[in-house]
N, C-alpha and C. Protein backbone atom coordinates (compact mmCIF):
# COMPACT_ATOMS: atom_id res chain seq x y z
N MET A 1 0.73 -1.17 0.03
CA MET A 1 -0.04 0.03 -0.07
C MET A 1 0.86 1.29 0.10
N VAL A 2 2.12 1.22 0.45
CA VAL A 2 2.96 2.34 0.64
C VAL A 2 3.39 2.60 -0.81
N LEU A 3 3.67 1.58 -1.57
CA LEU A 3 4.17 1.75 -2.95
C LEU A 3 3.01 2.41 -3.88
N GLU A 4 1.78 2.14 -3.63
CA GLU A 4 0.55 2.72 -4.33
C GLU A 4 0.44 4.05 -4.00
N HIS A 5 0.46 4.52 -2.59
CA HIS A 5 0.41 5.88 -2.25
C HIS A 5 1.61 6.60 -2.82
N HIS A 6 2.80 6.06 -2.90
CA HIS A 6 3.93 6.85 -3.34
C HIS A 6 3.75 7.26 -4.96
N LEU A 7 3.07 6.13 -5.57
CA LEU A 7 2.96 6.20 -7.01
C LEU A 7 1.85 7.36 -7.30
N SER A 8 0.72 7.26 -6.47
CA SER A 8 -0.31 8.46 -6.73
C SER A 8 0.30 9.71 -6.49
N GLN A 9 1.17 9.90 -5.52
CA GLN A 9 1.66 11.08 -5.04
C GLN A 9 2.83 11.64 -6.09
N GLN A 10 3.47 10.75 -6.73
CA GLN A 10 4.38 10.98 -7.80
C GLN A 10 3.49 11.47 -9.19
N CYS A 11 2.47 10.91 -9.50
CA CYS A 11 1.59 11.23 -10.44
C CYS A 11 1.06 12.58 -10.27
N LEU A 12 0.68 13.06 -9.14
CA LEU A 12 0.20 14.22 -9.01
C LEU A 12 1.21 15.33 -9.15
N SER A 13 2.59 15.17 -8.66
CA SER A 13 3.54 15.80 -8.72
C SER A 13 3.78 16.08 -10.37
N ARG A 14 3.80 15.03 -11.01
CA ARG A 14 4.17 15.15 -12.54
C ARG A 14 3.23 16.00 -13.36
N ASN A 15 2.03 15.78 -12.92
CA ASN A 15 0.78 16.55 -13.66
C ASN A 15 0.28 17.81 -12.90
N ASP A 16 1.07 18.42 -12.24
CA ASP A 16 0.70 19.51 -11.65
C ASP A 16 -0.69 19.54 -10.81
N TYR A 17 -0.66 18.46 -10.11
CA TYR A 17 -1.82 18.40 -9.09
C TYR A 17 -3.20 18.38 -9.91
N GLN A 18 -3.24 17.91 -11.09
CA GLN A 18 -4.54 17.61 -11.90
C GLN A 18 -4.97 16.43 -11.65
N TYR A 19 -5.74 16.12 -10.52
CA TYR A 19 -6.49 14.91 -10.09
C TYR A 19 -6.94 14.10 -11.31
N GLY A 20 -7.48 14.55 -12.08
CA GLY A 20 -8.06 13.81 -13.27
C GLY A 20 -7.14 13.07 -14.06
N SER A 21 -5.86 13.47 -14.00
CA SER A 21 -4.87 12.83 -14.73
C SER A 21 -4.36 11.63 -14.05
N CYS A 22 -4.54 11.33 -12.73
CA CYS A 22 -4.12 10.37 -11.88
C CYS A 22 -5.33 9.33 -11.24
N GLN A 23 -6.45 9.37 -12.01
CA GLN A 23 -7.58 8.52 -11.48
C GLN A 23 -7.18 7.27 -11.39
N ALA A 24 -6.40 6.46 -12.52
CA ALA A 24 -5.99 5.18 -12.51
C ALA A 24 -5.24 4.95 -11.16
N TYR A 25 -4.32 5.79 -10.70
CA TYR A 25 -3.36 5.53 -9.68
C TYR A 25 -4.24 5.51 -8.53
N PHE A 26 -5.29 6.64 -8.16
CA PHE A 26 -6.08 6.64 -7.16
C PHE A 26 -6.88 5.37 -7.01
N GLU A 27 -7.48 4.81 -8.01
CA GLU A 27 -8.20 3.68 -7.98
C GLU A 27 -7.43 2.41 -7.55
N ASN A 28 -6.26 2.25 -8.02
CA ASN A 28 -5.16 1.28 -7.54
C ASN A 28 -5.09 1.39 -6.12
N TYR A 29 -4.85 2.60 -5.63
CA TYR A 29 -4.57 2.69 -4.19
C TYR A 29 -5.69 2.41 -3.34
N ARG A 30 -6.87 2.89 -3.69
CA ARG A 30 -8.22 2.50 -2.98
C ARG A 30 -8.56 0.91 -3.24
N ARG A 31 -8.22 0.34 -4.01
CA ARG A 31 -8.37 -1.19 -4.24
C ARG A 31 -7.59 -1.83 -3.33
N CYS A 32 -6.28 -1.50 -3.32
CA CYS A 32 -5.02 -1.96 -2.58
C CYS A 32 -5.34 -1.80 -0.99
N LYS A 33 -5.75 -0.73 -0.70
CA LYS A 33 -6.13 -0.36 0.73
C LYS A 33 -7.37 -1.24 1.13
N LYS A 34 -8.39 -1.35 0.33
CA LYS A 34 -9.53 -2.18 0.78
C LYS A 34 -9.14 -3.58 0.79
N PHE A 35 -8.33 -4.16 -0.08
CA PHE A 35 -7.99 -5.60 -0.03
C PHE A 35 -7.18 -5.97 1.24
N TRP A 36 -6.07 -5.12 1.41
CA TRP A 36 -5.34 -5.37 2.77
C TRP A 36 -6.04 -5.09 3.97
N GLY A 37 -7.08 -4.14 3.99
CA GLY A 37 -7.86 -3.78 5.13
C GLY A 37 -8.81 -5.12 5.46
N ARG A 38 -9.29 -5.71 4.49
CA ARG A 38 -10.09 -6.86 4.56
C ARG A 38 -9.16 -8.11 4.93
N ILE A 39 -8.05 -8.27 4.49
CA ILE A 39 -6.96 -9.46 4.99
C ILE A 39 -6.70 -8.95 6.67
N THR A 40 -6.46 -7.93 6.92
CA THR A 40 -6.07 -7.51 8.28
C THR A 40 -7.31 -7.78 9.34
N ALA A 41 -8.48 -7.32 8.91
CA ALA A 41 -9.70 -7.66 9.58
C ALA A 41 -9.91 -9.30 9.79
N GLN A 42 -9.71 -9.97 8.64
CA GLN A 42 -9.93 -11.45 8.94
C GLN A 42 -8.88 -12.10 9.82
N ARG A 43 -7.55 -11.60 9.63
CA ARG A 43 -6.53 -12.18 10.45
C ARG A 43 -6.80 -11.62 11.89
N ARG A 44 -7.24 -10.47 12.13
CA ARG A 44 -7.54 -9.98 13.42
C ARG A 44 -8.71 -10.89 14.03
N ARG A 45 -9.90 -11.18 13.31
CA ARG A 45 -10.85 -11.97 13.85
C ARG A 45 -10.45 -13.32 14.11
N ALA A 46 -9.42 -13.85 13.31
CA ALA A 46 -8.84 -15.22 13.59
C ALA A 46 -8.02 -15.23 14.72
N GLY A 47 -7.54 -14.12 15.26
CA GLY A 47 -6.60 -14.05 16.36
C GLY A 47 -5.03 -14.27 15.84
N ILE A 48 -4.72 -14.09 14.43
CA ILE A 48 -3.53 -14.20 13.91
C ILE A 48 -2.73 -13.01 14.18
N THR A 49 -1.64 -12.98 14.51
CA THR A 49 -0.73 -11.76 14.67
C THR A 49 0.64 -12.04 13.95
N PRO A 50 1.22 -11.04 13.44
CA PRO A 50 0.75 -9.75 13.25
C PRO A 50 -0.45 -9.63 12.33
N TYR A 51 -1.32 -8.59 12.48
CA TYR A 51 -2.56 -8.69 11.55
C TYR A 51 -2.19 -8.33 10.18
N LEU A 52 -1.34 -7.79 9.88
CA LEU A 52 -0.79 -7.47 8.36
C LEU A 52 0.25 -8.53 8.22
N PRO A 53 0.11 -9.41 7.08
CA PRO A 53 1.00 -10.61 6.90
C PRO A 53 2.46 -9.89 6.61
N THR A 54 3.53 -10.83 6.99
CA THR A 54 4.79 -10.36 6.86
C THR A 54 5.06 -10.46 5.30
N PRO A 55 6.15 -9.82 4.92
CA PRO A 55 6.46 -9.93 3.49
C PRO A 55 6.71 -11.35 3.03
N GLU A 56 7.04 -12.36 3.83
CA GLU A 56 7.21 -13.57 3.49
C GLU A 56 6.05 -14.16 3.25
N GLU A 57 4.89 -14.01 4.09
CA GLU A 57 3.65 -14.37 3.84
C GLU A 57 2.68 -13.95 2.88
N ARG A 58 3.04 -12.92 2.23
CA ARG A 58 2.17 -12.14 1.39
C ARG A 58 1.96 -12.83 -0.09
N PRO A 59 2.82 -13.57 -0.62
CA PRO A 59 2.58 -14.04 -2.03
C PRO A 59 1.36 -14.91 -2.15
N PRO A 60 0.70 -15.60 -1.42
CA PRO A 60 -0.50 -16.31 -1.51
C PRO A 60 -1.60 -15.22 -1.48
N TYR A 61 -1.48 -14.12 -0.65
CA TYR A 61 -2.46 -13.07 -0.71
C TYR A 61 -2.50 -12.40 -2.06
N LEU A 62 -1.33 -12.18 -2.49
CA LEU A 62 -1.27 -11.36 -3.65
C LEU A 62 -1.69 -12.00 -4.92
N LEU A 63 -1.71 -13.48 -4.84
CA LEU A 63 -2.45 -14.28 -5.97
C LEU A 63 -3.64 -14.15 -5.90
N GLU A 64 -4.12 -14.13 -4.79
CA GLU A 64 -5.66 -13.90 -4.34
C GLU A 64 -6.19 -12.64 -4.97
N TYR A 65 -5.32 -11.48 -4.81
CA TYR A 65 -5.68 -10.11 -5.18
C TYR A 65 -5.68 -10.12 -6.61
N ALA A 66 -4.83 -10.72 -7.35
CA ALA A 66 -4.70 -10.76 -8.78
C ALA A 66 -5.97 -11.56 -9.29
N LYS A 67 -6.43 -12.32 -8.69
CA LYS A 67 -7.78 -13.12 -9.14
C LYS A 67 -9.02 -12.14 -9.07
N GLU A 68 -8.76 -11.21 -8.14
CA GLU A 68 -9.96 -10.34 -8.07
C GLU A 68 -9.91 -9.21 -9.14
N LEU A 69 -8.66 -8.96 -9.91
CA LEU A 69 -8.83 -7.95 -10.67
C LEU A 69 -9.48 -8.48 -11.97
């Protein structure tokens, strides 16, 4: 999610803060934030810590995310 945030900020900077030019970046950020928020909530309910998967645990989640697109 940090990468998506950074990319959207870079887009704004490149396009003189014309939000319409960066809608794809914003949509990607929103999807990413929603996805990881859902994963975090599931892990919290299941009592799994840390709530956000470690980088080593993320590949299966990322495959799930790719299927949603």
